Amino acid sequence: MYVVLKFKPGEKKIEELYRDDVVGRQSIIKRDAKSLGLEGNEIYLLVEGSKEAIKRVREIAGDNELKEGVEKIYQKIKEAEEEASLGMGAIFG
């Protein structure tokens, strides 16, 4: 399971998610809009984990859950991760 969240830069809920005992153990990928080729200065978080963890993410994040274009942002984050891992493979391969 996964959830995509959208925050304004510096929003306290981002740190709260990382510090949470359950959420902090999940896969969390943080990207800014520009790094994903998007306009604006928002911060996107992709959290992948168990059903219970996603429930906790939603409790903490409140109305920061992305409702529209979720799949598009998910794909962009995954593509960026893939490119990063390929780059690291070329360096250390």
PDB file of N, CA and C in Angstrom:
ATOM      1  N   MET A   1       0.839  -1.168   0.000  1.00  0.00           N
ATOM      2  CA  MET A   1       0.000   0.000   0.000  1.00  0.00           C
ATOM      3  C   MET A   1       0.889   1.238   0.000  1.00  0.00           C
ATOM      4  N   TYR A   2       0.349   2.306  -0.542  1.00  0.00           N
ATOM      5  CA  TYR A   2       1.085   3.564  -0.522  1.00  0.00           C
ATOM      6  C   TYR A   2       0.128   4.741  -0.464  1.00  0.00           C
ATOM      7  N   VAL A   3       0.711   5.894  -0.092  1.00  0.00           N
ATOM      8  CA  VAL A   3      -0.032   7.146  -0.066  1.00  0.00           C
ATOM      9  C   VAL A   3       0.942   8.238  -0.525  1.00  0.00           C
ATOM     10  N   VAL A   4       0.427   9.213  -1.267  1.00  0.00           N
ATOM     11  CA  VAL A   4       1.223  10.350  -1.711  1.00  0.00           C
ATOM     12  C   VAL A   4       0.696  11.592  -1.004  1.00  0.00           C
ATOM     13  N   LEU A   5       1.626  12.341  -0.411  1.00  0.00           N
ATOM     14  CA  LEU A   5       1.271  13.535   0.352  1.00  0.00           C
ATOM     15  C   LEU A   5       1.912  14.757  -0.292  1.00  0.00           C
ATOM     16  N   LYS A   6       1.278  15.904  -0.110  1.00  0.00           N
ATOM     17  CA  LYS A   6       1.779  17.161  -0.665  1.00  0.00           C
ATOM     18  C   LYS A   6       1.829  18.190   0.457  1.00  0.00           C
ATOM     19  N   PHE A   7       3.011  18.798   0.636  1.00  0.00           N
ATOM     20  CA  PHE A   7       3.212  19.765   1.703  1.00  0.00           C
ATOM     21  C   PHE A   7       3.828  21.044   1.168  1.00  0.00           C
ATOM     22  N   LYS A   8       3.642  22.119   1.930  1.00  0.00           N
ATOM     23  CA  LYS A   8       4.377  23.353   1.686  1.00  0.00           C
ATOM     24  C   LYS A   8       5.750  23.174   2.335  1.00  0.00           C
ATOM     25  N   PRO A   9       6.802  23.787   1.774  1.00  0.00           N
ATOM     26  CA  PRO A   9       8.129  23.652   2.384  1.00  0.00           C
ATOM     27  C   PRO A   9       8.131  24.088   3.851  1.00  0.00           C
ATOM     28  N   GLY A  10       8.819  23.310   4.676  1.00  0.00           N
ATOM     29  CA  GLY A  10       8.945  23.644   6.091  1.00  0.00           C
ATOM     30  C   GLY A  10       7.786  23.230   6.967  1.00  0.00           C
ATOM     31  N   GLU A  11       6.791  22.558   6.401  1.00  0.00           N
ATOM     32  CA  GLU A  11       5.632  22.150   7.202  1.00  0.00           C
ATOM     33  C   GLU A  11       6.045  21.132   8.266  1.00  0.00           C
ATOM     34  N   LYS A  12       5.610  21.358   9.482  1.00  0.00           N
ATOM     35  CA  LYS A  12       6.005  20.542  10.637  1.00  0.00           C
ATOM     36  C   LYS A  12       5.548  19.083  10.533  1.00  0.00           C
ATOM     37  N   LYS A  13       4.478  18.834   9.811  1.00  0.00           N
ATOM     38  CA  LYS A  13       3.951  17.471   9.708  1.00  0.00           C
ATOM     39  C   LYS A  13       4.946  16.527   9.024  1.00  0.00           C
ATOM     40  N   ILE A  14       5.818  17.067   8.177  1.00  0.00           N
ATOM     41  CA  ILE A  14       6.808  16.228   7.504  1.00  0.00           C
ATOM     42  C   ILE A  14       7.723  15.587   8.542  1.00  0.00           C
ATOM     43  N   GLU A  15       8.261  16.393   9.436  1.00  0.00           N
ATOM     44  CA  GLU A  15       9.151  15.877  10.484  1.00  0.00           C
ATOM     45  C   GLU A  15       8.404  14.955  11.433  1.00  0.00           C
ATOM     46  N   GLU A  16       7.159  15.265  11.688  1.00  0.00           N
ATOM     47  CA  GLU A  16       6.353  14.423  12.572  1.00  0.00           C
ATOM     48  C   GLU A  16       6.194  13.024  11.977  1.00  0.00           C
ATOM     49  N   LEU A  17       6.023  12.951  10.660  1.00  0.00           N
ATOM     50  CA  LEU A  17       5.917  11.652   9.992  1.00  0.00           C
ATOM     51  C   LEU A  17       7.204  10.850  10.139  1.00  0.00           C
ATOM     52  N   TYR A  18       8.338  11.497   9.927  1.00  0.00           N
ATOM     53  CA  TYR A  18       9.624  10.812  10.059  1.00  0.00           C
ATOM     54  C   TYR A  18       9.889  10.344  11.483  1.00  0.00           C
ATOM     55  N   ARG A  19       9.453  11.124  12.469  1.00  0.00           N
ATOM     56  CA  ARG A  19       9.696  10.786  13.873  1.00  0.00           C
ATOM     57  C   ARG A  19       8.735   9.742  14.430  1.00  0.00           C
ATOM     58  N   ASP A  20       7.591   9.565  13.791  1.00  0.00           N
ATOM     59  CA  ASP A  20       6.600   8.619  14.304  1.00  0.00           C
ATOM     60  C   ASP A  20       7.185   7.203  14.304  1.00  0.00           C
ATOM     61  N   ASP A  21       6.949   6.471  15.383  1.00  0.00           N
ATOM     62  CA  ASP A  21       7.511   5.139  15.557  1.00  0.00           C
ATOM     63  C   ASP A  21       7.082   4.165  14.463  1.00  0.00           C
ATOM     64  N   VAL A  22       5.836   4.219  14.054  1.00  0.00           N
ATOM     65  CA  VAL A  22       5.317   3.298  13.032  1.00  0.00           C
ATOM     66  C   VAL A  22       5.672   3.792  11.632  1.00  0.00           C
ATOM     67  N   VAL A  23       5.390   5.036  11.348  1.00  0.00           N
ATOM     68  CA  VAL A  23       5.599   5.596  10.009  1.00  0.00           C
ATOM     69  C   VAL A  23       7.083   5.645   9.666  1.00  0.00           C
ATOM     70  N   GLY A  24       7.913   5.987  10.638  1.00  0.00           N
ATOM     71  CA  GLY A  24       9.346   6.121  10.398  1.00  0.00           C
ATOM     72  C   GLY A  24      10.019   4.848   9.934  1.00  0.00           C
ATOM     73  N   ARG A  25       9.395   3.711  10.153  1.00  0.00           N
ATOM     74  CA  ARG A  25       9.960   2.425   9.723  1.00  0.00           C
ATOM     75  C   ARG A  25       9.538   2.027   8.307  1.00  0.00           C
ATOM     76  N   GLN A  26       8.692   2.820   7.704  1.00  0.00           N
ATOM     77  CA  GLN A  26       8.197   2.520   6.360  1.00  0.00           C
ATOM     78  C   GLN A  26       9.137   3.135   5.317  1.00  0.00           C
ATOM     79  N   SER A  27       8.881   2.822   4.066  1.00  0.00           N
ATOM     80  CA  SER A  27       9.642   3.415   2.973  1.00  0.00           C
ATOM     81  C   SER A  27       9.074   4.811   2.707  1.00  0.00           C
ATOM     82  N   ILE A  28       9.893   5.840   2.922  1.00  0.00           N
ATOM     83  CA  ILE A  28       9.468   7.225   2.721  1.00  0.00           C
ATOM     84  C   ILE A  28      10.405   7.871   1.711  1.00  0.00           C
ATOM     85  N   ILE A  29       9.840   8.385   0.643  1.00  0.00           N
ATOM     86  CA  ILE A  29      10.622   9.082  -0.372  1.00  0.00           C
ATOM     87  C   ILE A  29      10.119  10.520  -0.431  1.00  0.00           C
ATOM     88  N   LYS A  30      11.049  11.453  -0.282  1.00  0.00           N
ATOM     89  CA  LYS A  30      10.717  12.877  -0.262  1.00  0.00           C
ATOM     90  C   LYS A  30      11.321  13.540  -1.497  1.00  0.00           C
ATOM     91  N   ARG A  31      10.483  14.268  -2.252  1.00  0.00           N
ATOM     92  CA  ARG A  31      10.942  14.959  -3.453  1.00  0.00           C
ATOM     93  C   ARG A  31      10.266  16.320  -3.534  1.00  0.00           C
ATOM     94  N   ASP A  32      11.001  17.304  -4.051  1.00  0.00           N
ATOM     95  CA  ASP A  32      10.358  18.595  -4.295  1.00  0.00           C
ATOM     96  C   ASP A  32       9.789  18.616  -5.707  1.00  0.00           C
ATOM     97  N   ALA A  33       8.869  19.534  -5.947  1.00  0.00           N
ATOM     98  CA  ALA A  33       8.151  19.595  -7.226  1.00  0.00           C
ATOM     99  C   ALA A  33       9.112  19.755  -8.394  1.00  0.00           C
ATOM    100  N   LYS A  34      10.106  20.617  -8.251  1.00  0.00           N
ATOM    101  CA  LYS A  34      11.036  20.877  -9.347  1.00  0.00           C
ATOM    102  C   LYS A  34      11.819  19.634  -9.745  1.00  0.00           C
ATOM    103  N   SER A  35      12.206  18.814  -8.791  1.00  0.00           N
ATOM    104  CA  SER A  35      12.955  17.595  -9.097  1.00  0.00           C
ATOM    105  C   SER A  35      12.098  16.573  -9.849  1.00  0.00           C
ATOM    106  N   LEU A  36      10.788  16.753  -9.774  1.00  0.00           N
ATOM    107  CA  LEU A  36       9.871  15.866 -10.497  1.00  0.00           C
ATOM    108  C   LEU A  36       9.403  16.487 -11.809  1.00  0.00           C
ATOM    109  N   GLY A  37       9.961  17.658 -12.137  1.00  0.00           N
ATOM    110  CA  GLY A  37       9.582  18.344 -13.368  1.00  0.00           C
ATOM    111  C   GLY A  37       8.247  19.055 -13.281  1.00  0.00           C
ATOM    112  N   LEU A  38       7.851  19.432 -12.066  1.00  0.00           N
ATOM    113  CA  LEU A  38       6.568  20.092 -11.845  1.00  0.00           C
ATOM    114  C   LEU A  38       6.779  21.550 -11.466  1.00  0.00           C
ATOM    115  N   GLU A  39       5.774  22.355 -11.675  1.00  0.00           N
ATOM    116  CA  GLU A  39       5.800  23.762 -11.266  1.00  0.00           C
ATOM    117  C   GLU A  39       5.582  23.853  -9.762  1.00  0.00           C
ATOM    118  N   GLY A  40       6.035  24.942  -9.176  1.00  0.00           N
ATOM    119  CA  GLY A  40       5.775  25.190  -7.768  1.00  0.00           C
ATOM    120  C   GLY A  40       6.936  24.762  -6.890  1.00  0.00           C
ATOM    121  N   ASN A  41       6.753  24.927  -5.596  1.00  0.00           N
ATOM    122  CA  ASN A  41       7.805  24.571  -4.648  1.00  0.00           C
ATOM    123  C   ASN A  41       7.310  23.598  -3.575  1.00  0.00           C
ATOM    124  N   GLU A  42       6.264  22.859  -3.877  1.00  0.00           N
ATOM    125  CA  GLU A  42       5.714  21.905  -2.923  1.00  0.00           C
ATOM    126  C   GLU A  42       6.677  20.745  -2.702  1.00  0.00           C
ATOM    127  N   ILE A  43       6.471  20.073  -1.589  1.00  0.00           N
ATOM    128  CA  ILE A  43       7.224  18.868  -1.239  1.00  0.00           C
ATOM    129  C   ILE A  43       6.252  17.690  -1.329  1.00  0.00           C
ATOM    130  N   TYR A  44       6.679  16.630  -2.017  1.00  0.00           N
ATOM    131  CA  TYR A  44       5.866  15.423  -2.128  1.00  0.00           C
ATOM    132  C   TYR A  44       6.519  14.306  -1.338  1.00  0.00           C
ATOM    133  N   LEU A  45       5.713  13.571  -0.599  1.00  0.00           N
ATOM    134  CA  LEU A  45       6.178  12.399   0.129  1.00  0.00           C
ATOM    135  C   LEU A  45       5.411  11.190  -0.360  1.00  0.00           C
ATOM    136  N   LEU A  46       6.145  10.154  -0.699  1.00  0.00           N
ATOM    137  CA  LEU A  46       5.550   8.866  -1.024  1.00  0.00           C
ATOM    138  C   LEU A  46       5.876   7.951   0.143  1.00  0.00           C
ATOM    139  N   VAL A  47       4.849   7.418   0.771  1.00  0.00           N
ATOM    140  CA  VAL A  47       5.035   6.488   1.875  1.00  0.00           C
ATOM    141  C   VAL A  47       4.446   5.155   1.459  1.00  0.00           C
ATOM    142  N   GLU A  48       5.297   4.124   1.473  1.00  0.00           N
ATOM    143  CA  GLU A  48       4.857   2.767   1.156  1.00  0.00           C
ATOM    144  C   GLU A  48       5.016   1.927   2.405  1.00  0.00           C
ATOM    145  N   GLY A  49       3.991   1.146   2.715  1.00  0.00           N
ATOM    146  CA  GLY A  49       4.070   0.326   3.913  1.00  0.00           C
ATOM    147  C   GLY A  49       2.803  -0.472   4.156  1.00  0.00           C
ATOM    148  N   SER A  50       2.685  -0.933   5.370  1.00  0.00           N
ATOM    149  CA  SER A  50       1.546  -1.768   5.764  1.00  0.00           C
ATOM    150  C   SER A  50       0.265  -0.938   5.850  1.00  0.00           C
ATOM    151  N   LYS A  51      -0.835  -1.646   5.906  1.00  0.00           N
ATOM    152  CA  LYS A  51      -2.144  -0.999   6.019  1.00  0.00           C
ATOM    153  C   LYS A  51      -2.219  -0.147   7.287  1.00  0.00           C
ATOM    154  N   GLU A  52      -1.695  -0.685   8.378  1.00  0.00           N
ATOM    155  CA  GLU A  52      -1.714   0.035   9.649  1.00  0.00           C
ATOM    156  C   GLU A  52      -0.860   1.295   9.573  1.00  0.00           C
ATOM    157  N   ALA A  53       0.291   1.198   8.914  1.00  0.00           N
ATOM    158  CA  ALA A  53       1.177   2.352   8.795  1.00  0.00           C
ATOM    159  C   ALA A  53       0.544   3.445   7.936  1.00  0.00           C
ATOM    160  N   ILE A  54      -0.095   3.054   6.849  1.00  0.00           N
ATOM    161  CA  ILE A  54      -0.745   4.037   5.975  1.00  0.00           C
ATOM    162  C   ILE A  54      -1.881   4.722   6.732  1.00  0.00           C
ATOM    163  N   LYS A  55      -2.580   3.968   7.564  1.00  0.00           N
ATOM    164  CA  LYS A  55      -3.637   4.561   8.389  1.00  0.00           C
ATOM    165  C   LYS A  55      -3.041   5.615   9.316  1.00  0.00           C
ATOM    166  N   ARG A  56      -1.891   5.309   9.902  1.00  0.00           N
ATOM    167  CA  ARG A  56      -1.222   6.254  10.798  1.00  0.00           C
ATOM    168  C   ARG A  56      -0.733   7.488  10.034  1.00  0.00           C
ATOM    169  N   VAL A  57      -0.206   7.280   8.829  1.00  0.00           N
ATOM    170  CA  VAL A  57       0.217   8.398   7.973  1.00  0.00           C
ATOM    171  C   VAL A  57      -0.949   9.350   7.757  1.00  0.00           C
ATOM    172  N   ARG A  58      -2.098   8.799   7.431  1.00  0.00           N
ATOM    173  CA  ARG A  58      -3.283   9.621   7.172  1.00  0.00           C
ATOM    174  C   ARG A  58      -3.719  10.377   8.414  1.00  0.00           C
ATOM    175  N   GLU A  59      -3.576   9.759   9.589  1.00  0.00           N
ATOM    176  CA  GLU A  59      -3.925  10.444  10.843  1.00  0.00           C
ATOM    177  C   GLU A  59      -3.031  11.659  11.054  1.00  0.00           C
ATOM    178  N   ILE A  60      -1.745  11.492  10.815  1.00  0.00           N
ATOM    179  CA  ILE A  60      -0.792  12.580  11.044  1.00  0.00           C
ATOM    180  C   ILE A  60      -0.904  13.647   9.957  1.00  0.00           C
ATOM    181  N   ALA A  61      -0.978  13.221   8.696  1.00  0.00           N
ATOM    182  CA  ALA A  61      -0.931  14.157   7.563  1.00  0.00           C
ATOM    183  C   ALA A  61      -2.210  14.951   7.386  1.00  0.00           C
ATOM    184  N   GLY A  62      -3.307  14.427   7.850  1.00  0.00           N
ATOM    185  CA  GLY A  62      -4.578  15.136   7.716  1.00  0.00           C
ATOM    186  C   GLY A  62      -4.933  15.419   6.272  1.00  0.00           C
ATOM    187  N   ASP A  63      -5.156  16.682   5.944  1.00  0.00           N
ATOM    188  CA  ASP A  63      -5.618  17.039   4.598  1.00  0.00           C
ATOM    189  C   ASP A  63      -4.472  17.196   3.593  1.00  0.00           C
ATOM    190  N   ASN A  64      -3.278  16.721   3.919  1.00  0.00           N
ATOM    191  CA  ASN A  64      -2.146  16.806   3.003  1.00  0.00           C
ATOM    192  C   ASN A  64      -2.092  15.641   2.010  1.00  0.00           C
ATOM    193  N   GLU A  65      -3.016  14.693   2.133  1.00  0.00           N
ATOM    194  CA  GLU A  65      -3.020  13.575   1.195  1.00  0.00           C
ATOM    195  C   GLU A  65      -3.446  14.074  -0.179  1.00  0.00           C
ATOM    196  N   LEU A  66      -2.681  13.703  -1.180  1.00  0.00           N
ATOM    197  CA  LEU A  66      -2.986  14.088  -2.548  1.00  0.00           C
ATOM    198  C   LEU A  66      -4.222  13.325  -3.008  1.00  0.00           C
ATOM    199  N   LYS A  67      -5.197  14.038  -3.553  1.00  0.00           N
ATOM    200  CA  LYS A  67      -6.450  13.413  -3.981  1.00  0.00           C
ATOM    201  C   LYS A  67      -6.516  13.236  -5.498  1.00  0.00           C
ATOM    202  N   GLU A  68      -5.918  14.166  -6.236  1.00  0.00           N
ATOM    203  CA  GLU A  68      -5.955  14.095  -7.703  1.00  0.00           C
ATOM    204  C   GLU A  68      -4.541  13.955  -8.239  1.00  0.00           C
ATOM    205  N   GLY A  69      -4.386  13.183  -9.307  1.00  0.00           N
ATOM    206  CA  GLY A  69      -3.080  13.017  -9.929  1.00  0.00           C
ATOM    207  C   GLY A  69      -2.123  12.160  -9.123  1.00  0.00           C
ATOM    208  N   VAL A  70      -2.655  11.335  -8.247  1.00  0.00           N
ATOM    209  CA  VAL A  70      -1.838  10.507  -7.371  1.00  0.00           C
ATOM    210  C   VAL A  70      -0.939   9.572  -8.188  1.00  0.00           C
ATOM    211  N   GLU A  71      -1.518   8.896  -9.148  1.00  0.00           N
ATOM    212  CA  GLU A  71      -0.765   7.935  -9.949  1.00  0.00           C
ATOM    213  C   GLU A  71       0.350   8.623 -10.738  1.00  0.00           C
ATOM    214  N   LYS A  72       0.078   9.812 -11.244  1.00  0.00           N
ATOM    215  CA  LYS A  72       1.080  10.582 -11.996  1.00  0.00           C
ATOM    216  C   LYS A  72       2.278  10.909 -11.112  1.00  0.00           C
ATOM    217  N   ILE A  73       2.039  11.400  -9.913  1.00  0.00           N
ATOM    218  CA  ILE A  73       3.118  11.750  -8.987  1.00  0.00           C
ATOM    219  C   ILE A  73       3.850  10.488  -8.544  1.00  0.00           C
ATOM    220  N   TYR A  74       3.089   9.432  -8.278  1.00  0.00           N
ATOM    221  CA  TYR A  74       3.708   8.154  -7.883  1.00  0.00           C
ATOM    222  C   TYR A  74       4.689   7.693  -8.957  1.00  0.00           C
ATOM    223  N   GLN A  75       4.263   7.733 -10.212  1.00  0.00           N
ATOM    224  CA  GLN A  75       5.133   7.306 -11.316  1.00  0.00           C
ATOM    225  C   GLN A  75       6.361   8.201 -11.432  1.00  0.00           C
ATOM    226  N   LYS A  76       6.193   9.497 -11.293  1.00  0.00           N
ATOM    227  CA  LYS A  76       7.325  10.425 -11.382  1.00  0.00           C
ATOM    228  C   LYS A  76       8.349  10.155 -10.273  1.00  0.00           C
ATOM    229  N   ILE A  77       7.878   9.898  -9.065  1.00  0.00           N
ATOM    230  CA  ILE A  77       8.782   9.603  -7.953  1.00  0.00           C
ATOM    231  C   ILE A  77       9.518   8.298  -8.217  1.00  0.00           C
ATOM    232  N   LYS A  78       8.810   7.284  -8.667  1.00  0.00           N
ATOM    233  CA  LYS A  78       9.424   5.985  -8.938  1.00  0.00           C
ATOM    234  C   LYS A  78      10.445   6.095 -10.069  1.00  0.00           C
ATOM    235  N   GLU A  79      10.135   6.874 -11.105  1.00  0.00           N
ATOM    236  CA  GLU A  79      11.080   7.077 -12.205  1.00  0.00           C
ATOM    237  C   GLU A  79      12.338   7.783 -11.703  1.00  0.00           C
ATOM    238  N   ALA A  80      12.186   8.776 -10.853  1.00  0.00           N
ATOM    239  CA  ALA A  80      13.334   9.494 -10.291  1.00  0.00           C
ATOM    240  C   ALA A  80      14.194   8.544  -9.452  1.00  0.00           C
ATOM    241  N   GLU A  81      13.562   7.664  -8.689  1.00  0.00           N
ATOM    242  CA  GLU A  81      14.293   6.691  -7.890  1.00  0.00           C
ATOM    243  C   GLU A  81      15.060   5.717  -8.780  1.00  0.00           C
ATOM    244  N   GLU A  82      14.422   5.293  -9.852  1.00  0.00           N
ATOM    245  CA  GLU A  82      15.049   4.369 -10.803  1.00  0.00           C
ATOM    246  C   GLU A  82      16.284   5.016 -11.431  1.00  0.00           C
ATOM    247  N   GLU A  83      16.148   6.262 -11.857  1.00  0.00           N
ATOM    248  CA  GLU A  83      17.279   6.988 -12.454  1.00  0.00           C
ATOM    249  C   GLU A  83      18.414   7.140 -11.453  1.00  0.00           C
ATOM    250  N   ALA A  84      18.074   7.426 -10.213  1.00  0.00           N
ATOM    251  CA  ALA A  84      19.093   7.584  -9.178  1.00  0.00           C
ATOM    252  C   ALA A  84      19.822   6.276  -8.938  1.00  0.00           C
ATOM    253  N   SER A  85      19.097   5.176  -8.886  1.00  0.00           N
ATOM    254  CA  SER A  85      19.748   3.885  -8.624  1.00  0.00           C
ATOM    255  C   SER A  85      20.589   3.456  -9.823  1.00  0.00           C
ATOM    256  N   LEU A  86      20.165   3.771 -11.035  1.00  0.00           N
ATOM    257  CA  LEU A  86      20.973   3.459 -12.211  1.00  0.00           C
ATOM    258  C   LEU A  86      22.256   4.288 -12.198  1.00  0.00           C
ATOM    259  N   GLY A  87      22.151   5.533 -11.805  1.00  0.00           N
ATOM    260  CA  GLY A  87      23.334   6.389 -11.709  1.00  0.00           C
ATOM    261  C   GLY A  87      24.325   5.869 -10.687  1.00  0.00           C
ATOM    262  N   MET A  88      23.840   5.417  -9.555  1.00  0.00           N
ATOM    263  CA  MET A  88      24.714   4.864  -8.516  1.00  0.00           C
ATOM    264  C   MET A  88      25.361   3.577  -9.008  1.00  0.00           C
ATOM    265  N   GLY A  89      24.612   2.789  -9.779  1.00  0.00           N
ATOM    266  CA  GLY A  89      25.167   1.547 -10.338  1.00  0.00           C
ATOM    267  C   GLY A  89      26.299   1.839 -11.303  1.00  0.00           C
ATOM    268  N   ALA A  90      26.167   2.891 -12.079  1.00  0.00           N
ATOM    269  CA  ALA A  90      27.211   3.267 -13.037  1.00  0.00           C
ATOM    270  C   ALA A  90      28.470   3.736 -12.294  1.00  0.00           C
ATOM    271  N   ILE A  91      28.277   4.409 -11.173  1.00  0.00           N
ATOM    272  CA  ILE A  91      29.417   4.905 -10.396  1.00  0.00           C
ATOM    273  C   ILE A  91      30.141   3.758  -9.693  1.00  0.00           C
ATOM    274  N   PHE A  92      29.360   2.894  -9.034  1.00  0.00           N
ATOM    275  CA  PHE A  92      29.961   1.836  -8.227  1.00  0.00           C
ATOM    276  C   PHE A  92      30.011   0.489  -8.935  1.00  0.00           C
ATOM    277  N   GLY A  93      29.383   0.385 -10.107  1.00  0.00           N
ATOM    278  CA  GLY A  93      29.260  -0.877 -10.830  1.00  0.00           C
ATOM    279  C   GLY A  93      30.547  -1.372 -11.317  1.00  0.00           C
TER     280      GLY A  93
END
